[in-house]
């Protein structure tokens, strides 16, 4: 059971890390696009720039969410490992007595 749970968490962690990397690349591309918009007097450019900043903000929020999920899953793995060790020690001690 612990192995299945750890495998599930490991897969989830890998997916989350992949999503974080994709989000980082998206943010980098959007920042590059925003940097190329150099004429704030042009309404179209200003609108694109505003939209880009909104998308960048959303991407950052998503990345923070995925990072927090990754931290939470890693904590669950740590807790499960601790519980497994405690049960193993208890079983070993019970076997000795």
PDB file of N, CA and C in Angstrom:
ATOM      1  N   UNK A   1       0.821  -1.195   0.000  1.00  0.00           N
ATOM      2  CA  UNK A   1       0.000   0.000   0.000  1.00  0.00           C
ATOM      3  C   UNK A   1       0.864   1.257   0.000  1.00  0.00           C
ATOM      4  N   UNK A   2       1.869   1.252   0.857  1.00  0.00           N
ATOM      5  CA  UNK A   2       2.757   2.418   0.927  1.00  0.00           C
ATOM      6  C   UNK A   2       3.480   2.618  -0.397  1.00  0.00           C
ATOM      7  N   UNK A   3       3.848   1.507  -1.058  1.00  0.00           N
ATOM      8  CA  UNK A   3       4.553   1.615  -2.339  1.00  0.00           C
ATOM      9  C   UNK A   3       3.644   2.206  -3.410  1.00  0.00           C
ATOM     10  N   UNK A   4       2.369   1.759  -3.419  1.00  0.00           N
ATOM     11  CA  UNK A   4       1.417   2.312  -4.388  1.00  0.00           C
ATOM     12  C   UNK A   4       1.195   3.798  -4.152  1.00  0.00           C
ATOM     13  N   UNK A   5       1.067   4.168  -2.877  1.00  0.00           N
ATOM     14  CA  UNK A   5       0.855   5.579  -2.527  1.00  0.00           C
ATOM     15  C   UNK A   5       2.078   6.400  -2.929  1.00  0.00           C
ATOM     16  N   UNK A   6       3.264   5.875  -2.634  1.00  0.00           N
ATOM     17  CA  UNK A   6       4.485   6.603  -2.972  1.00  0.00           C
ATOM     18  C   UNK A   6       4.642   6.716  -4.484  1.00  0.00           C
ATOM     19  N   UNK A   7       4.283   5.656  -5.223  1.00  0.00           N
ATOM     20  CA  UNK A   7       4.349   5.698  -6.689  1.00  0.00           C
ATOM     21  C   UNK A   7       3.383   6.757  -7.223  1.00  0.00           C
ATOM     22  N   UNK A   8       2.172   6.791  -6.664  1.00  0.00           N
ATOM     23  CA  UNK A   8       1.181   7.774  -7.079  1.00  0.00           C
ATOM     24  C   UNK A   8       1.678   9.192  -6.809  1.00  0.00           C
ATOM     25  N   UNK A   9       2.247   9.391  -5.629  1.00  0.00           N
ATOM     26  CA  UNK A   9       2.772  10.710  -5.274  1.00  0.00           C
ATOM     27  C   UNK A   9       3.937  11.065  -6.185  1.00  0.00           C
ATOM     28  N   UNK A  10       4.782  10.093  -6.466  1.00  0.00           N
ATOM     29  CA  UNK A  10       5.938  10.330  -7.330  1.00  0.00           C
ATOM     30  C   UNK A  10       5.483  10.760  -8.728  1.00  0.00           C
ATOM     31  N   UNK A  11       4.470  10.067  -9.256  1.00  0.00           N
ATOM     32  CA  UNK A  11       3.943  10.429 -10.574  1.00  0.00           C
ATOM     33  C   UNK A  11       3.318  11.821 -10.539  1.00  0.00           C
ATOM     34  N   UNK A  12       2.587  12.101  -9.488  1.00  0.00           N
ATOM     35  CA  UNK A  12       1.964  13.418  -9.338  1.00  0.00           C
ATOM     36  C   UNK A  12       3.026  14.508  -9.241  1.00  0.00           C
ATOM     37  N   UNK A  13       4.093  14.209  -8.498  1.00  0.00           N
ATOM     38  CA  UNK A  13       5.195  15.157  -8.355  1.00  0.00           C
ATOM     39  C   UNK A  13       5.849  15.434  -9.706  1.00  0.00           C
ATOM     40  N   UNK A  14       6.052  14.375 -10.484  1.00  0.00           N
ATOM     41  CA  UNK A  14       6.662  14.538 -11.806  1.00  0.00           C
ATOM     42  C   UNK A  14       5.767  15.382 -12.711  1.00  0.00           C
ATOM     43  N   UNK A  15       4.466  15.129 -12.673  1.00  0.00           N
ATOM     44  CA  UNK A  15       3.538  15.910 -13.489  1.00  0.00           C
ATOM     45  C   UNK A  15       3.523  17.368 -13.055  1.00  0.00           C
ATOM     46  N   UNK A  16       3.562  17.584 -11.754  1.00  0.00           N
ATOM     47  CA  UNK A  16       3.560  18.954 -11.239  1.00  0.00           C
ATOM     48  C   UNK A  16       4.838  19.673 -11.648  1.00  0.00           C
ATOM     49  N   UNK A  17       5.972  18.990 -11.530  1.00  0.00           N
ATOM     50  CA  UNK A  17       7.246  19.596 -11.925  1.00  0.00           C
ATOM     51  C   UNK A  17       7.236  19.936 -13.419  1.00  0.00           C
ATOM     52  N   UNK A  18       6.651  19.057 -14.225  1.00  0.00           N
ATOM     53  CA  UNK A  18       6.550  19.313 -15.665  1.00  0.00           C
ATOM     54  C   UNK A  18       5.676  20.539 -15.937  1.00  0.00           C
ATOM     55  N   UNK A  19       4.567  20.641 -15.214  1.00  0.00           N
ATOM     56  CA  UNK A  19       3.676  21.793 -15.384  1.00  0.00           C
ATOM     57  C   UNK A  19       4.368  23.088 -14.966  1.00  0.00           C
ATOM     58  N   UNK A  20       5.141  23.032 -13.885  1.00  0.00           N
ATOM     59  CA  UNK A  20       5.883  24.209 -13.433  1.00  0.00           C
ATOM     60  C   UNK A  20       6.866  24.646 -14.507  1.00  0.00           C
ATOM     61  N   UNK A  21       7.568  23.686 -15.122  1.00  0.00           N
ATOM     62  CA  UNK A  21       8.521  24.022 -16.191  1.00  0.00           C
ATOM     63  C   UNK A  21       7.810  24.651 -17.390  1.00  0.00           C
ATOM     64  N   UNK A  22       6.658  24.109 -17.767  1.00  0.00           N
ATOM     65  CA  UNK A  22       5.895  24.675 -18.883  1.00  0.00           C
ATOM     66  C   UNK A  22       5.449  26.100 -18.559  1.00  0.00           C
ATOM     67  N   UNK A  23       5.029  26.297 -17.328  1.00  0.00           N
ATOM     68  CA  UNK A  23       4.583  27.631 -16.914  1.00  0.00           C
ATOM     69  C   UNK A  23       5.747  28.610 -16.947  1.00  0.00           C
ATOM     70  N   UNK A  24       6.916  28.155 -16.475  1.00  0.00           N
ATOM     71  CA  UNK A  24       8.096  29.027 -16.500  1.00  0.00           C
ATOM     72  C   UNK A  24       8.427  29.440 -17.932  1.00  0.00           C
ATOM     73  N   UNK A  25       8.359  28.489 -18.867  1.00  0.00           N
ATOM     74  CA  UNK A  25       8.651  28.802 -20.265  1.00  0.00           C
ATOM     75  C   UNK A  25       7.627  29.788 -20.823  1.00  0.00           C
ATOM     76  N   UNK A  26       6.375  29.597 -20.463  1.00  0.00           N
ATOM     77  CA  UNK A  26       5.324  30.513 -20.916  1.00  0.00           C
ATOM     78  C   UNK A  26       5.575  31.915 -20.397  1.00  0.00           C
ATOM     79  N   UNK A  27       5.922  32.009 -19.123  1.00  0.00           N
ATOM     80  CA  UNK A  27       6.214  33.316 -18.527  1.00  0.00           C
ATOM     81  C   UNK A  27       7.403  33.959 -19.236  1.00  0.00           C
ATOM     82  N   UNK A  28       8.444  33.189 -19.511  1.00  0.00           N
ATOM     83  CA  UNK A  28       9.614  33.731 -20.207  1.00  0.00           C
ATOM     84  C   UNK A  28       9.231  34.260 -21.594  1.00  0.00           C
ATOM     85  N   UNK A  29       8.425  33.488 -22.320  1.00  0.00           N
ATOM     86  CA  UNK A  29       7.989  33.936 -23.652  1.00  0.00           C
ATOM     87  C   UNK A  29       7.142  35.204 -23.566  1.00  0.00           C
ATOM     88  N   UNK A  30       6.263  35.241 -22.589  1.00  0.00           N
ATOM     89  CA  UNK A  30       5.416  36.431 -22.442  1.00  0.00           C
ATOM     90  C   UNK A  30       6.221  37.649 -22.014  1.00  0.00           C
ATOM     91  N   UNK A  31       7.209  37.444 -21.159  1.00  0.00           N
ATOM     92  CA  UNK A  31       8.074  38.562 -20.782  1.00  0.00           C
ATOM     93  C   UNK A  31       8.861  39.067 -21.984  1.00  0.00           C
ATOM     94  N   UNK A  32       9.318  38.141 -22.817  1.00  0.00           N
ATOM     95  CA  UNK A  32      10.047  38.520 -24.034  1.00  0.00           C
ATOM     96  C   UNK A  32       9.125  39.305 -24.973  1.00  0.00           C
ATOM     97  N   UNK A  33       7.890  38.827 -25.106  1.00  0.00           N
ATOM     98  CA  UNK A  33       6.922  39.542 -25.952  1.00  0.00           C
ATOM     99  C   UNK A  33       6.659  40.939 -25.400  1.00  0.00           C
ATOM    100  N   UNK A  34       6.472  41.034 -24.101  1.00  0.00           N
ATOM    101  CA  UNK A  34       6.215  42.350 -23.495  1.00  0.00           C
ATOM    102  C   UNK A  34       7.390  43.294 -23.704  1.00  0.00           C
ATOM    103  N   UNK A  35       8.599  42.758 -23.619  1.00  0.00           N
ATOM    104  CA  UNK A  35       9.784  43.585 -23.810  1.00  0.00           C
ATOM    105  C   UNK A  35       9.874  44.109 -25.240  1.00  0.00           C
ATOM    106  N   UNK A  36       9.334  43.348 -26.204  1.00  0.00           N
ATOM    107  CA  UNK A  36       9.391  43.767 -27.609  1.00  0.00           C
ATOM    108  C   UNK A  36       8.371  44.852 -27.932  1.00  0.00           C
ATOM    109  N   UNK A  37       7.383  45.020 -27.083  1.00  0.00           N
ATOM    110  CA  UNK A  37       6.372  46.062 -27.313  1.00  0.00           C
ATOM    111  C   UNK A  37       6.931  47.364 -26.748  1.00  0.00           C
ATOM    112  N   UNK A  38       7.455  48.181 -27.640  1.00  0.00           N
ATOM    113  CA  UNK A  38       8.209  49.353 -27.186  1.00  0.00           C
ATOM    114  C   UNK A  38       7.482  50.676 -27.353  1.00  0.00           C
ATOM    115  N   UNK A  39       6.341  50.679 -27.989  1.00  0.00           N
ATOM    116  CA  UNK A  39       5.657  51.940 -28.254  1.00  0.00           C
ATOM    117  C   UNK A  39       4.385  52.037 -27.411  1.00  0.00           C
ATOM    118  N   UNK A  40       4.469  52.632 -26.206  1.00  0.00           N
ATOM    119  CA  UNK A  40       3.281  52.723 -25.348  1.00  0.00           C
ATOM    120  C   UNK A  40       2.213  53.676 -25.878  1.00  0.00           C
ATOM    121  N   UNK A  41       2.563  54.517 -26.859  1.00  0.00           N
ATOM    122  CA  UNK A  41       1.579  55.444 -27.422  1.00  0.00           C
ATOM    123  C   UNK A  41       0.635  54.736 -28.399  1.00  0.00           C
ATOM    124  N   UNK A  42       1.036  53.591 -28.869  1.00  0.00           N
ATOM    125  CA  UNK A  42       0.217  52.822 -29.793  1.00  0.00           C
ATOM    126  C   UNK A  42      -0.816  52.045 -28.972  1.00  0.00           C
ATOM    127  N   UNK A  43      -2.102  52.302 -29.193  1.00  0.00           N
ATOM    128  CA  UNK A  43      -3.168  51.676 -28.411  1.00  0.00           C
ATOM    129  C   UNK A  43      -3.146  50.150 -28.517  1.00  0.00           C
ATOM    130  N   UNK A  44      -2.881  49.651 -29.712  1.00  0.00           N
ATOM    131  CA  UNK A  44      -2.842  48.193 -29.898  1.00  0.00           C
ATOM    132  C   UNK A  44      -1.713  47.592 -29.072  1.00  0.00           C
ATOM    133  N   UNK A  45      -0.552  48.232 -29.134  1.00  0.00           N
ATOM    134  CA  UNK A  45       0.588  47.730 -28.360  1.00  0.00           C
ATOM    135  C   UNK A  45       0.315  47.812 -26.862  1.00  0.00           C
ATOM    136  N   UNK A  46      -0.304  48.901 -26.435  1.00  0.00           N
ATOM    137  CA  UNK A  46      -0.613  49.055 -25.011  1.00  0.00           C
ATOM    138  C   UNK A  46      -1.603  47.989 -24.574  1.00  0.00           C
ATOM    139  N   UNK A  47      -2.589  47.694 -25.437  1.00  0.00           N
ATOM    140  CA  UNK A  47      -3.580  46.670 -25.116  1.00  0.00           C
ATOM    141  C   UNK A  47      -2.918  45.290 -25.049  1.00  0.00           C
ATOM    142  N   UNK A  48      -2.061  44.989 -26.007  1.00  0.00           N
ATOM    143  CA  UNK A  48      -1.341  43.712 -26.017  1.00  0.00           C
ATOM    144  C   UNK A  48      -0.463  43.600 -24.772  1.00  0.00           C
ATOM    145  N   UNK A  49       0.200  44.705 -24.444  1.00  0.00           N
ATOM    146  CA  UNK A  49       1.064  44.715 -23.272  1.00  0.00           C
ATOM    147  C   UNK A  49       0.252  44.445 -22.007  1.00  0.00           C
ATOM    148  N   UNK A  50      -0.893  45.083 -21.892  1.00  0.00           N
ATOM    149  CA  UNK A  50      -1.765  44.887 -20.732  1.00  0.00           C
ATOM    150  C   UNK A  50      -2.233  43.436 -20.658  1.00  0.00           C
ATOM    151  N   UNK A  51      -2.623  42.873 -21.795  1.00  0.00           N
ATOM    152  CA  UNK A  51      -3.056  41.480 -21.830  1.00  0.00           C
ATOM    153  C   UNK A  51      -1.903  40.547 -21.463  1.00  0.00           C
ATOM    154  N   UNK A  52      -0.719  40.845 -21.966  1.00  0.00           N
ATOM    155  CA  UNK A  52       0.453  40.025 -21.657  1.00  0.00           C
ATOM    156  C   UNK A  52       0.738  40.021 -20.163  1.00  0.00           C
ATOM    157  N   UNK A  53       0.653  41.191 -19.555  1.00  0.00           N
ATOM    158  CA  UNK A  53       0.898  41.272 -18.115  1.00  0.00           C
ATOM    159  C   UNK A  53      -0.150  40.486 -17.338  1.00  0.00           C
ATOM    160  N   UNK A  54      -1.397  40.525 -17.807  1.00  0.00           N
ATOM    161  CA  UNK A  54      -2.457  39.745 -17.156  1.00  0.00           C
ATOM    162  C   UNK A  54      -2.153  38.242 -17.267  1.00  0.00           C
ATOM    163  N   UNK A  55      -1.762  37.802 -18.462  1.00  0.00           N
ATOM    164  CA  UNK A  55      -1.450  36.385 -18.674  1.00  0.00           C
ATOM    165  C   UNK A  55      -0.229  35.981 -17.838  1.00  0.00           C
ATOM    166  N   UNK A  56       0.764  36.860 -17.769  1.00  0.00           N
ATOM    167  CA  UNK A  56       1.949  36.585 -16.949  1.00  0.00           C
ATOM    168  C   UNK A  56       1.535  36.432 -15.489  1.00  0.00           C
ATOM    169  N   UNK A  57       0.676  37.316 -15.019  1.00  0.00           N
ATOM    170  CA  UNK A  57       0.198  37.222 -13.639  1.00  0.00           C
ATOM    171  C   UNK A  57      -0.517  35.905 -13.378  1.00  0.00           C
ATOM    172  N   UNK A  58      -1.361  35.493 -14.320  1.00  0.00           N
ATOM    173  CA  UNK A  58      -2.069  34.215 -14.174  1.00  0.00           C
ATOM    174  C   UNK A  58      -1.088  33.044 -14.193  1.00  0.00           C
ATOM    175  N   UNK A  59      -0.088  33.116 -15.063  1.00  0.00           N
ATOM    176  CA  UNK A  59       0.900  32.046 -15.142  1.00  0.00           C
ATOM    177  C   UNK A  59       1.683  31.932 -13.830  1.00  0.00           C
ATOM    178  N   UNK A  60       2.005  33.075 -13.255  1.00  0.00           N
ATOM    179  CA  UNK A  60       2.729  33.066 -11.978  1.00  0.00           C
ATOM    180  C   UNK A  60       1.853  32.469 -10.879  1.00  0.00           C
ATOM    181  N   UNK A  61       0.573  32.829 -10.862  1.00  0.00           N
ATOM    182  CA  UNK A  61      -0.349  32.252  -9.874  1.00  0.00           C
ATOM    183  C   UNK A  61      -0.410  30.733 -10.031  1.00  0.00           C
ATOM    184  N   UNK A  62      -0.511  30.281 -11.292  1.00  0.00           N
ATOM    185  CA  UNK A  62      -0.560  28.838 -11.552  1.00  0.00           C
ATOM    186  C   UNK A  62       0.714  28.153 -11.081  1.00  0.00           C
ATOM    187  N   UNK A  63       1.841  28.787 -11.356  1.00  0.00           N
ATOM    188  CA  UNK A  63       3.116  28.193 -10.948  1.00  0.00           C
ATOM    189  C   UNK A  63       3.197  28.109  -9.428  1.00  0.00           C
ATOM    190  N   UNK A  64       2.737  29.145  -8.751  1.00  0.00           N
ATOM    191  CA  UNK A  64       2.740  29.113  -7.282  1.00  0.00           C
ATOM    192  C   UNK A  64       1.827  28.014  -6.767  1.00  0.00           C
ATOM    193  N   UNK A  65       0.671  27.841  -7.422  1.00  0.00           N
ATOM    194  CA  UNK A  65      -0.254  26.783  -7.014  1.00  0.00           C
ATOM    195  C   UNK A  65       0.404  25.416  -7.180  1.00  0.00           C
ATOM    196  N   UNK A  66       1.014  25.177  -8.341  1.00  0.00           N
ATOM    197  CA  UNK A  66       1.638  23.884  -8.580  1.00  0.00           C
ATOM    198  C   UNK A  66       2.810  23.647  -7.632  1.00  0.00           C
ATOM    199  N   UNK A  67       3.556  24.695  -7.357  1.00  0.00           N
ATOM    200  CA  UNK A  67       4.669  24.558  -6.410  1.00  0.00           C
ATOM    201  C   UNK A  67       4.152  24.209  -5.018  1.00  0.00           C
ATOM    202  N   UNK A  68       3.063  24.845  -4.599  1.00  0.00           N
ATOM    203  CA  UNK A  68       2.512  24.533  -3.273  1.00  0.00           C
ATOM    204  C   UNK A  68       1.978  23.104  -3.238  1.00  0.00           C
ATOM    205  N   UNK A  69       1.387  22.647  -4.351  1.00  0.00           N
ATOM    206  CA  UNK A  69       0.918  21.264  -4.425  1.00  0.00           C
ATOM    207  C   UNK A  69       2.087  20.290  -4.327  1.00  0.00           C
ATOM    208  N   UNK A  70       3.182  20.634  -5.001  1.00  0.00           N
ATOM    209  CA  UNK A  70       4.376  19.790  -4.963  1.00  0.00           C
ATOM    210  C   UNK A  70       4.927  19.698  -3.542  1.00  0.00           C
ATOM    211  N   UNK A  71       4.983  20.807  -2.857  1.00  0.00           N
ATOM    212  CA  UNK A  71       5.456  20.822  -1.470  1.00  0.00           C
ATOM    213  C   UNK A  71       4.543  19.975  -0.593  1.00  0.00           C
ATOM    214  N   UNK A  72       3.232  20.118  -0.788  1.00  0.00           N
ATOM    215  CA  UNK A  72       2.259  19.356   0.004  1.00  0.00           C
ATOM    216  C   UNK A  72       2.427  17.851  -0.240  1.00  0.00           C
ATOM    217  N   UNK A  73       2.579  17.456  -1.498  1.00  0.00           N
ATOM    218  CA  UNK A  73       2.737  16.031  -1.823  1.00  0.00           C
ATOM    219  C   UNK A  73       4.042  15.486  -1.245  1.00  0.00           C
ATOM    220  N   UNK A  74       5.095  16.267  -1.319  1.00  0.00           N
ATOM    221  CA  UNK A  74       6.364  15.822  -0.741  1.00  0.00           C
ATOM    222  C   UNK A  74       6.257  15.660   0.772  1.00  0.00           C
ATOM    223  N   UNK A  75       5.481  16.530   1.422  1.00  0.00           N
ATOM    224  CA  UNK A  75       5.263  16.403   2.868  1.00  0.00           C
ATOM    225  C   UNK A  75       4.479  15.135   3.178  1.00  0.00           C
ATOM    226  N   UNK A  76       3.504  14.823   2.329  1.00  0.00           N
ATOM    227  CA  UNK A  76       2.738  13.590   2.514  1.00  0.00           C
ATOM    228  C   UNK A  76       3.647  12.369   2.394  1.00  0.00           C
ATOM    229  N   UNK A  77       4.564  12.388   1.431  1.00  0.00           N
ATOM    230  CA  UNK A  77       5.516  11.286   1.276  1.00  0.00           C
ATOM    231  C   UNK A  77       6.376  11.159   2.524  1.00  0.00           C
ATOM    232  N   UNK A  78       6.879  12.273   3.013  1.00  0.00           N
ATOM    233  CA  UNK A  78       7.713  12.266   4.218  1.00  0.00           C
ATOM    234  C   UNK A  78       6.943  11.703   5.409  1.00  0.00           C
ATOM    235  N   UNK A  79       5.710  12.144   5.584  1.00  0.00           N
ATOM    236  CA  UNK A  79       4.891  11.648   6.690  1.00  0.00           C
ATOM    237  C   UNK A  79       4.641  10.147   6.564  1.00  0.00           C
ATOM    238  N   UNK A  80       4.376   9.697   5.337  1.00  0.00           N
ATOM    239  CA  UNK A  80       4.143   8.269   5.109  1.00  0.00           C
ATOM    240  C   UNK A  80       5.402   7.460   5.428  1.00  0.00           C
ATOM    241  N   UNK A  81       6.550   7.967   5.038  1.00  0.00           N
ATOM    242  CA  UNK A  81       7.814   7.274   5.341  1.00  0.00           C
ATOM    243  C   UNK A  81       8.039   7.195   6.842  1.00  0.00           C
ATOM    244  N   UNK A  82       7.738   8.267   7.551  1.00  0.00           N
ATOM    245  CA  UNK A  82       7.901   8.283   9.008  1.00  0.00           C
ATOM    246  C   UNK A  82       6.953   7.257   9.641  1.00  0.00           C
ATOM    247  N   UNK A  83       5.709   7.246   9.193  1.00  0.00           N
ATOM    248  CA  UNK A  83       4.746   6.288   9.731  1.00  0.00           C
ATOM    249  C   UNK A  83       5.191   4.855   9.450  1.00  0.00           C
ATOM    250  N   UNK A  84       5.716   4.619   8.250  1.00  0.00           N
ATOM    251  CA  UNK A  84       6.198   3.282   7.890  1.00  0.00           C
ATOM    252  C   UNK A  84       7.353   2.866   8.785  1.00  0.00           C
ATOM    253  N   UNK A  85       8.283   3.787   9.038  1.00  0.00           N
ATOM    254  CA  UNK A  85       9.405   3.491   9.928  1.00  0.00           C
ATOM    255  C   UNK A  85       8.919   3.189  11.340  1.00  0.00           C
ATOM    256  N   UNK A  86       7.973   3.986  11.817  1.00  0.00           N
ATOM    257  CA  UNK A  86       7.441   3.761  13.167  1.00  0.00           C
ATOM    258  C   UNK A  86       6.778   2.395  13.266  1.00  0.00           C
ATOM    259  N   UNK A  87       5.999   2.023  12.270  1.00  0.00           N
ATOM    260  CA  UNK A  87       5.337   0.717  12.273  1.00  0.00           C
ATOM    261  C   UNK A  87       6.357  -0.422  12.176  1.00  0.00           C
ATOM    262  N   UNK A  88       7.394  -0.204  11.371  1.00  0.00           N
ATOM    263  CA  UNK A  88       8.446  -1.220  11.247  1.00  0.00           C
ATOM    264  C   UNK A  88       9.161  -1.403  12.575  1.00  0.00           C
ATOM    265  N   UNK A  89       9.495  -0.311  13.245  1.00  0.00           N
ATOM    266  CA  UNK A  89      10.159  -0.391  14.544  1.00  0.00           C
ATOM    267  C   UNK A  89       9.257  -1.057  15.580  1.00  0.00           C
ATOM    268  N   UNK A  90       7.977  -0.693  15.555  1.00  0.00           N
ATOM    269  CA  UNK A  90       7.033  -1.283  16.509  1.00  0.00           C
ATOM    270  C   UNK A  90       6.912  -2.780  16.272  1.00  0.00           C
ATOM    271  N   UNK A  91       6.784  -3.180  15.007  1.00  0.00           N
ATOM    272  CA  UNK A  91       6.671  -4.607  14.681  1.00  0.00           C
ATOM    273  C   UNK A  91       7.928  -5.359  15.111  1.00  0.00           C
ATOM    274  N   UNK A  92       9.091  -4.761  14.879  1.00  0.00           N
ATOM    275  CA  UNK A  92      10.352  -5.391  15.269  1.00  0.00           C
ATOM    276  C   UNK A  92      10.432  -5.519  16.784  1.00  0.00           C
ATOM    277  N   UNK A  93      10.042  -4.459  17.489  1.00  0.00           N
ATOM    278  CA  UNK A  93      10.064  -4.476  18.957  1.00  0.00           C
ATOM    279  C   UNK A  93       9.079  -5.521  19.489  1.00  0.00           C
ATOM    280  N   UNK A  94       7.868  -5.567  18.900  1.00  0.00           N
ATOM    281  CA  UNK A  94       6.868  -6.549  19.328  1.00  0.00           C
ATOM    282  C   UNK A  94       7.366  -7.972  19.098  1.00  0.00           C
ATOM    283  N   UNK A  95       8.115  -8.150  18.028  1.00  0.00           N
ATOM    284  CA  UNK A  95       8.654  -9.477  17.721  1.00  0.00           C
ATOM    285  C   UNK A  95       9.707  -9.886  18.753  1.00  0.00           C
ATOM    286  N   UNK A  96      10.456  -8.902  19.265  1.00  0.00           N
ATOM    287  CA  UNK A  96      11.486  -9.185  20.264  1.00  0.00           C
ATOM    288  C   UNK A  96      10.884  -9.506  21.629  1.00  0.00           C
ATOM    289  N   UNK A  97       9.730  -8.925  21.910  1.00  0.00           N
ATOM    290  CA  UNK A  97       9.149  -9.119  23.256  1.00  0.00           C
ATOM    291  C   UNK A  97       8.094 -10.192  23.295  1.00  0.00           C
TER     292      UNK A  97
END
